[in-house]
Amino acid sequence: MRFLGLRLLDRVPDTKTVWLFRERLTQAGAIERLFDRFEATLRNAGYLPMSGQIVDATLVAASKQRNTNAEKADLRAGRIPEGWQDKPAKLSQKDRHARWTLKFTKEKRQDDGTIPATDLVIRFFGYKSYISIDRKFRFIRKWKTTDAAASDGARLREGLLYKTNTASSVWADTAYRSKANEDFMEKQGFVSKVHRKKPHLKPMPRHIQRSNAGKSVIRSRVEHVFADQKSQTGLFIRTVGITPATMRIGPANIVYNMRRFLFLERISASA
């Protein structure tokens, strides 16, 4: 309420009003413009993109859909399943853009302190949020929303990198390591700090292990952004379709930048 300048006695918009306002923003395609306007505010305040950029993605859960195997096949092929077109109410409630994928995670440490060698595989339904932050101030400078099954590597060449950073280094995990991406970054003048993959059927060379470990110290900063977003905004997609999902993730990115800006300003004022 303090952020919005509201008092306890002031009239507060109800859920329906907020929903209608979000719909108007969606129809106007305003989130990208709002993000760019606040980016200009950051630059005017002296928070220029500096020291290189870090790229990563996180999965954002959406309401699960109950579809038959035939309907899932049609959706993956970009078709509207048979019978849905004749039922507008059902069609409006079906998310045809969210996708299932597999999420790999480490098992928890055991009571004796050991960590199991096997990974956990969890089925996940929803979308994926890509961001590129600057290493110096950790503001989100570029972002993109896709379905959860989208390949990470190809997204690197779809507008996530920017040349206005004062440094040319790019950090990312092994999912972004490919010849196409390395050629793209070299051609665009970027310096790749992307993690190297383990050689097929061979142990990881010691020098690559050390190199990846050094890169991880820097790359891990982007994980703090995702953790902050999910803890502060409870990021979850309850809408239907990728456009409304983008309108949910976009404001979360703007709010993160606003909170980060206020945090850095308080530190600067107290110094």
Protein backbone atom coordinates (compact mmCIF):
# COMPACT_ATOMS: atom_id res chain seq x y z
CA MET A 1 0.00 0.00 0.00
CA ARG A 2 2.89 2.36 0.74
CA PHE A 3 4.32 1.65 -2.72
CA LEU A 4 1.01 2.72 -4.32
CA GLY A 5 0.54 5.67 -1.99
CA LEU A 6 -2.65 4.22 -0.50
CA ARG A 7 -3.98 4.76 3.00
CA LEU A 8 -6.13 2.40 5.05
CA LEU A 9 -9.22 4.55 4.41
CA ASP A 10 -8.67 4.83 0.66
CA ARG A 11 -10.75 2.89 -1.84
CA VAL A 12 -8.80 -0.10 -3.18
CA PRO A 13 -9.56 -1.69 -6.59
CA ASP A 14 -11.14 -5.12 -6.33
CA THR A 15 -9.90 -8.25 -8.13
CA LYS A 16 -12.20 -7.70 -11.12
CA THR A 17 -10.91 -4.15 -11.65
CA VAL A 18 -7.29 -5.31 -11.54
CA TRP A 19 -8.10 -8.14 -13.98
CA LEU A 20 -9.78 -5.74 -16.43
CA PHE A 21 -6.81 -3.37 -16.22
CA ARG A 22 -4.44 -6.25 -16.98
CA GLU A 23 -6.58 -7.22 -19.97
CA ARG A 24 -6.37 -3.67 -21.31
CA LEU A 25 -2.59 -3.75 -20.93
CA THR A 26 -2.54 -7.07 -22.78
CA GLN A 27 -4.62 -5.77 -25.68
CA ALA A 28 -2.46 -2.65 -25.93
CA GLY A 29 0.81 -4.63 -25.77
CA ALA A 30 1.97 -2.14 -23.16
CA ILE A 31 4.29 -4.26 -20.99
CA GLU A 32 7.27 -4.03 -23.34
CA ARG A 33 6.92 -0.24 -23.48
CA LEU A 34 6.61 0.00 -19.70
CA PHE A 35 9.72 -2.15 -19.30
CA ASP A 36 11.66 0.07 -21.72
CA ARG A 37 10.50 3.23 -19.92
CA PHE A 38 11.80 1.99 -16.59
CA GLU A 39 15.01 0.87 -18.30
CA ALA A 40 15.44 4.49 -19.40
CA THR A 41 14.87 5.59 -15.80
CA LEU A 42 17.64 3.25 -14.63
CA ARG A 43 20.05 4.62 -17.22
CA ASN A 44 19.23 8.22 -16.31
CA ALA A 45 19.95 7.36 -12.67
CA GLY A 46 23.40 6.08 -13.63
CA TYR A 47 22.69 2.34 -13.60
CA LEU A 48 24.14 1.52 -16.99
CA PRO A 49 24.57 -2.13 -18.05
CA MET A 50 28.13 -2.92 -16.99
CA SER A 51 30.65 -5.76 -16.57
CA GLY A 52 28.98 -8.16 -19.02
CA GLN A 53 25.67 -10.01 -19.03
CA ILE A 54 24.31 -13.29 -17.61
CA VAL A 55 21.61 -15.31 -19.39
CA ASP A 56 19.41 -18.01 -17.88
CA ALA A 57 15.83 -19.30 -17.75
CA THR A 58 13.42 -20.63 -15.15
CA LEU A 59 10.25 -22.68 -15.43
CA VAL A 60 7.00 -20.98 -14.45
CA ALA A 61 4.14 -23.32 -13.55
CA ALA A 62 0.69 -22.98 -15.10
CA SER A 63 -2.65 -24.59 -14.33
CA LYS A 64 -2.48 -28.18 -15.57
CA GLN A 65 -4.65 -29.23 -18.52
CA ARG A 66 -6.45 -32.58 -18.73
CA ASN A 67 -6.30 -33.59 -22.38
CA THR A 68 -6.37 -36.91 -24.19
CA ASN A 69 -3.30 -38.20 -26.04
CA ALA A 70 -4.93 -37.30 -29.38
CA GLU A 71 -5.63 -33.76 -28.17
CA LYS A 72 -2.04 -33.40 -26.96
CA ALA A 73 -0.75 -34.52 -30.36
CA ASP A 74 -2.93 -31.92 -32.10
CA LEU A 75 -1.72 -29.18 -29.75
CA ARG A 76 1.94 -30.07 -30.35
CA ALA A 77 1.27 -29.89 -34.09
CA GLY A 78 -0.33 -26.46 -33.71
CA ARG A 79 -3.85 -27.68 -34.48
CA ILE A 80 -7.06 -27.14 -32.54
CA PRO A 81 -8.30 -30.59 -31.41
CA GLU A 82 -11.45 -31.94 -32.97
CA GLY A 83 -14.61 -30.82 -31.18
CA TRP A 84 -13.06 -27.83 -29.42
CA GLN A 85 -13.98 -25.36 -32.16
CA ASP A 86 -17.69 -26.16 -31.66
CA LYS A 87 -17.44 -25.46 -27.93
CA PRO A 88 -16.30 -21.83 -27.44
CA ALA A 89 -16.55 -22.04 -23.65
CA LYS A 90 -14.23 -25.08 -23.54
CA LEU A 91 -11.84 -23.58 -26.09
CA SER A 92 -11.50 -20.38 -24.05
CA GLN A 93 -10.45 -22.40 -20.99
CA LYS A 94 -7.85 -24.55 -22.74
CA ASP A 95 -4.26 -23.36 -22.76
CA ARG A 96 -2.96 -24.31 -26.21
CA HIS A 97 0.50 -22.79 -25.72
CA ALA A 98 1.76 -24.18 -22.39
CA ARG A 99 3.73 -27.42 -22.70
CA TRP A 100 4.93 -30.35 -20.61
CA THR A 101 8.65 -30.80 -20.06
CA LEU A 102 11.02 -32.63 -17.70
CA LYS A 103 12.70 -30.80 -14.84
CA PHE A 104 15.95 -32.28 -13.52
CA THR A 105 16.95 -31.60 -9.93
CA LYS A 106 19.37 -32.99 -7.35
CA GLU A 107 18.23 -35.25 -4.56
CA LYS A 108 18.44 -33.83 -1.06
CA ARG A 109 21.45 -34.51 1.13
CA GLN A 110 21.07 -37.67 3.18
CA ASP A 111 21.21 -37.84 6.98
CA ASP A 112 24.81 -39.06 6.81
CA GLY A 113 25.79 -35.99 4.78
CA THR A 114 26.17 -37.75 1.43
CA ILE A 115 24.46 -36.59 -1.75
CA PRO A 116 22.93 -39.30 -3.99
CA ALA A 117 24.56 -39.62 -7.40
CA THR A 118 21.20 -39.91 -9.18
CA ASP A 119 19.09 -36.95 -10.26
CA LEU A 120 15.35 -36.51 -9.79
CA VAL A 121 13.17 -36.08 -12.89
CA ILE A 122 9.92 -34.17 -12.42
CA ARG A 123 7.24 -33.60 -15.06
CA PHE A 124 6.44 -29.92 -15.35
CA PHE A 125 3.68 -28.00 -17.16
CA GLY A 126 3.77 -24.33 -18.01
CA TYR A 127 6.04 -21.70 -19.49
CA LYS A 128 9.66 -20.62 -19.40
CA SER A 129 10.96 -17.18 -18.47
CA TYR A 130 14.28 -16.11 -20.03
CA ILE A 131 16.20 -13.12 -18.72
CA SER A 132 19.51 -11.40 -19.32
CA ILE A 133 20.90 -9.39 -16.40
CA ASP A 134 23.94 -7.14 -16.22
CA ARG A 135 26.72 -8.44 -14.00
CA LYS A 136 27.35 -5.13 -12.20
CA PHE A 137 23.92 -4.09 -10.91
CA ARG A 138 21.92 -7.29 -11.63
CA PHE A 139 19.02 -5.55 -13.33
CA ILE A 140 16.98 -7.47 -15.90
CA ARG A 141 17.86 -5.85 -19.23
CA LYS A 142 16.23 -8.28 -21.70
CA TRP A 143 13.55 -10.94 -21.27
CA LYS A 144 11.48 -13.42 -23.24
CA THR A 145 8.63 -15.87 -22.52
CA THR A 146 8.17 -19.24 -24.25
CA ASP A 147 6.47 -22.54 -23.56
CA ALA A 148 8.23 -24.82 -21.07
CA ALA A 149 9.44 -27.25 -23.76
CA ALA A 150 11.34 -24.62 -25.77
CA SER A 151 15.05 -25.25 -26.36
CA ASP A 152 17.25 -22.93 -24.30
CA GLY A 153 20.13 -22.71 -26.77
CA ALA A 154 18.18 -21.22 -29.66
CA ARG A 155 16.74 -18.42 -27.50
CA LEU A 156 20.19 -16.88 -27.08
CA ARG A 157 20.00 -15.70 -30.69
CA GLU A 158 16.49 -14.25 -30.33
CA GLY A 159 17.13 -10.87 -28.76
CA LEU A 160 18.37 -11.81 -25.28
CA LEU A 161 21.80 -10.27 -25.83
CA TYR A 162 22.38 -6.53 -26.09
CA LYS A 163 25.37 -4.47 -27.19
CA THR A 164 24.84 -1.52 -24.83
CA ASN A 165 26.70 -3.27 -21.99
CA THR A 166 30.09 -1.73 -21.26
CA ALA A 167 31.67 -5.22 -21.41
CA SER A 168 31.22 -7.93 -24.04
CA SER A 169 31.36 -11.07 -21.85
CA VAL A 170 28.33 -13.40 -21.77
CA TRP A 171 27.83 -16.02 -19.03
CA ALA A 172 25.42 -18.95 -19.41
CA ASP A 173 25.18 -22.64 -18.53
CA THR A 174 25.88 -25.61 -20.81
CA ALA A 175 22.36 -25.54 -22.30
CA TYR A 176 23.45 -22.49 -24.30
CA ARG A 177 26.69 -24.07 -25.55
CA SER A 178 26.51 -24.83 -29.28
CA LYS A 179 28.50 -24.05 -32.39
CA ALA A 180 25.64 -21.87 -33.68
CA ASN A 181 25.67 -19.78 -30.50
CA GLU A 182 29.46 -19.52 -30.38
CA ASP A 183 29.55 -18.37 -34.02
CA PHE A 184 26.71 -15.92 -33.37
CA MET A 185 28.43 -14.35 -30.35
CA GLU A 186 31.76 -14.09 -32.15
CA LYS A 187 30.11 -12.44 -35.14
CA GLN A 188 28.24 -9.98 -32.89
CA GLY A 189 31.36 -9.08 -30.92
CA PHE A 190 30.53 -10.91 -27.68
CA VAL A 191 33.05 -12.91 -25.62
CA SER A 192 31.66 -16.31 -24.66
CA LYS A 193 31.89 -17.33 -21.00
CA VAL A 194 29.39 -20.14 -21.53
CA HIS A 195 30.06 -23.34 -19.59
CA ARG A 196 31.72 -26.13 -21.53
CA LYS A 197 30.07 -29.55 -21.73
CA LYS A 198 31.63 -32.80 -20.58
CA PRO A 199 33.15 -34.78 -23.48
CA HIS A 200 30.99 -37.70 -24.56
CA LEU A 201 31.89 -40.93 -22.70
CA LYS A 202 35.00 -39.27 -21.26
CA PRO A 203 35.78 -37.74 -17.86
CA MET A 204 35.69 -33.98 -17.57
CA PRO A 205 39.24 -32.58 -18.01
CA ARG A 206 40.56 -30.90 -14.89
CA HIS A 207 41.19 -27.54 -16.59
CA ILE A 208 37.60 -27.40 -17.86
CA GLN A 209 36.33 -28.22 -14.36
CA ARG A 210 38.29 -25.30 -12.95
CA SER A 211 37.11 -23.02 -15.74
CA ASN A 212 33.45 -23.94 -15.25
CA ALA A 213 33.76 -23.51 -11.48
CA GLY A 214 35.06 -19.98 -11.95
CA LYS A 215 32.23 -19.16 -14.35
CA SER A 216 29.65 -20.57 -11.92
CA VAL A 217 30.62 -18.02 -9.27
CA ILE A 218 29.47 -15.26 -11.62
CA ARG A 219 26.65 -17.09 -13.40
CA SER A 220 24.93 -18.05 -10.13
CA ARG A 221 23.95 -14.41 -9.57
CA VAL A 222 21.06 -14.82 -11.99
CA GLU A 223 19.60 -17.55 -9.77
CA HIS A 224 19.11 -14.94 -7.04
CA VAL A 225 16.86 -12.99 -9.41
CA PHE A 226 14.58 -15.98 -10.00
CA ALA A 227 14.50 -16.82 -6.29
CA ASP A 228 13.53 -13.24 -5.45
CA GLN A 229 10.77 -13.18 -8.05
CA LYS A 230 9.20 -16.44 -6.92
CA SER A 231 9.37 -15.59 -3.22
CA GLN A 232 8.09 -12.03 -3.57
CA THR A 233 5.51 -12.34 -6.37
CA GLY A 234 4.50 -16.00 -6.12
CA LEU A 235 5.02 -16.33 -9.86
CA PHE A 236 2.36 -18.68 -11.26
CA ILE A 237 0.36 -18.59 -14.51
CA ARG A 238 -3.39 -18.77 -13.94
CA THR A 239 -4.31 -17.26 -17.30
CA VAL A 240 -4.76 -19.05 -20.64
CA GLY A 241 -2.35 -18.57 -23.56
CA ILE A 242 1.16 -17.29 -24.04
CA THR A 243 0.15 -13.63 -24.45
CA PRO A 244 -1.49 -13.41 -21.00
CA ALA A 245 1.41 -15.47 -19.59
CA THR A 246 3.83 -12.89 -21.00
CA MET A 247 1.70 -10.20 -19.37
CA ARG A 248 2.12 -12.00 -16.05
CA ILE A 249 5.88 -12.53 -16.32
CA GLY A 250 6.64 -9.07 -17.78
CA PRO A 251 5.28 -7.11 -14.79
CA ALA A 252 7.15 -9.46 -12.44
CA ASN A 253 10.37 -8.45 -14.24
CA ILE A 254 9.49 -4.76 -13.93
CA VAL A 255 8.65 -5.12 -10.22
CA TYR A 256 11.97 -6.89 -9.62
CA ASN A 257 13.86 -4.03 -11.28
CA MET A 258 11.92 -1.48 -9.21
CA ARG A 259 12.69 -3.28 -5.97
CA ARG A 260 16.34 -3.69 -6.94
CA PHE A 261 16.53 0.01 -7.82
CA LEU A 262 15.10 1.05 -4.42
CA PHE A 263 17.51 -1.32 -2.67
CA LEU A 264 20.56 0.13 -4.43
CA GLU A 265 19.34 3.69 -3.80
CA ARG A 266 19.00 3.00 -0.05
CA ILE A 267 22.54 1.59 0.03
CA SER A 268 23.84 4.63 -1.84
CA ALA A 269 22.04 7.04 0.50
CA SER A 270 23.39 5.36 3.64
CA ALA A 271 26.98 5.16 2.37
